[in-house]
């Protein structure tokens, strides 16, 4: 059976939309597009040398 007192102790409220948005945008995450751009730039630099 579910022990509601124990479950309430584990509960962490979710961020508000504005707080979540700020937390997401403040992280410097590299995505696939960033990696492809970097790879193309490195390739072009090697071809130029």
Protein backbone atom coordinates (compact mmCIF):
# COMPACT_ATOMS: atom_id res chain seq x y z
CA UNK A 1 0.00 0.00 0.00
CA UNK A 2 1.15 3.55 -0.64
CA UNK A 3 2.56 5.41 2.34
CA UNK A 4 1.51 8.98 1.59
CA UNK A 5 3.72 10.49 4.29
CA UNK A 6 6.82 8.89 2.73
CA UNK A 7 5.77 9.96 -0.76
CA UNK A 8 5.26 13.56 0.41
CA UNK A 9 8.79 13.58 1.85
CA UNK A 10 10.13 12.67 -1.64
CA UNK A 11 8.12 15.38 -3.39
CA UNK A 12 9.98 18.27 -5.03
CA UNK A 13 7.84 20.96 -6.63
CA UNK A 14 8.41 21.56 -10.31
CA UNK A 15 9.80 24.85 -11.53
CA UNK A 16 7.47 27.53 -12.73
CA UNK A 17 7.54 28.11 -16.48
CA UNK A 18 9.64 31.26 -16.21
CA UNK A 19 12.12 29.61 -13.85
CA UNK A 20 12.38 26.53 -16.03
CA UNK A 21 12.91 28.65 -19.13
CA UNK A 22 15.69 30.58 -17.42
CA UNK A 23 17.36 27.39 -16.18
CA UNK A 24 17.25 25.88 -19.67
CA UNK A 25 18.54 28.92 -21.52
CA UNK A 26 21.34 29.56 -19.02
CA UNK A 27 22.90 26.17 -19.78
CA UNK A 28 25.47 26.07 -22.54
CA UNK A 29 24.44 22.90 -24.33
CA UNK A 30 25.96 21.72 -27.58
CA UNK A 31 23.52 20.15 -30.00
CA UNK A 32 24.03 18.30 -33.27
CA UNK A 33 23.80 21.48 -35.34
CA UNK A 34 26.62 23.03 -33.29
CA UNK A 35 28.75 19.93 -33.78
CA UNK A 36 28.14 19.90 -37.55
CA UNK A 37 29.02 23.59 -37.87
CA UNK A 38 32.25 23.02 -35.94
CA UNK A 39 33.15 20.00 -38.05
CA UNK A 40 32.56 21.92 -41.28
CA UNK A 41 34.67 24.84 -40.04
CA UNK A 42 37.52 22.51 -39.08
CA UNK A 43 37.29 20.74 -42.44
CA UNK A 44 37.39 24.03 -44.32
CA UNK A 45 40.40 25.19 -42.27
CA UNK A 46 42.27 21.96 -43.12
CA UNK A 47 41.44 22.34 -46.81
CA UNK A 48 42.76 25.90 -46.79
CA UNK A 49 46.15 24.87 -45.34
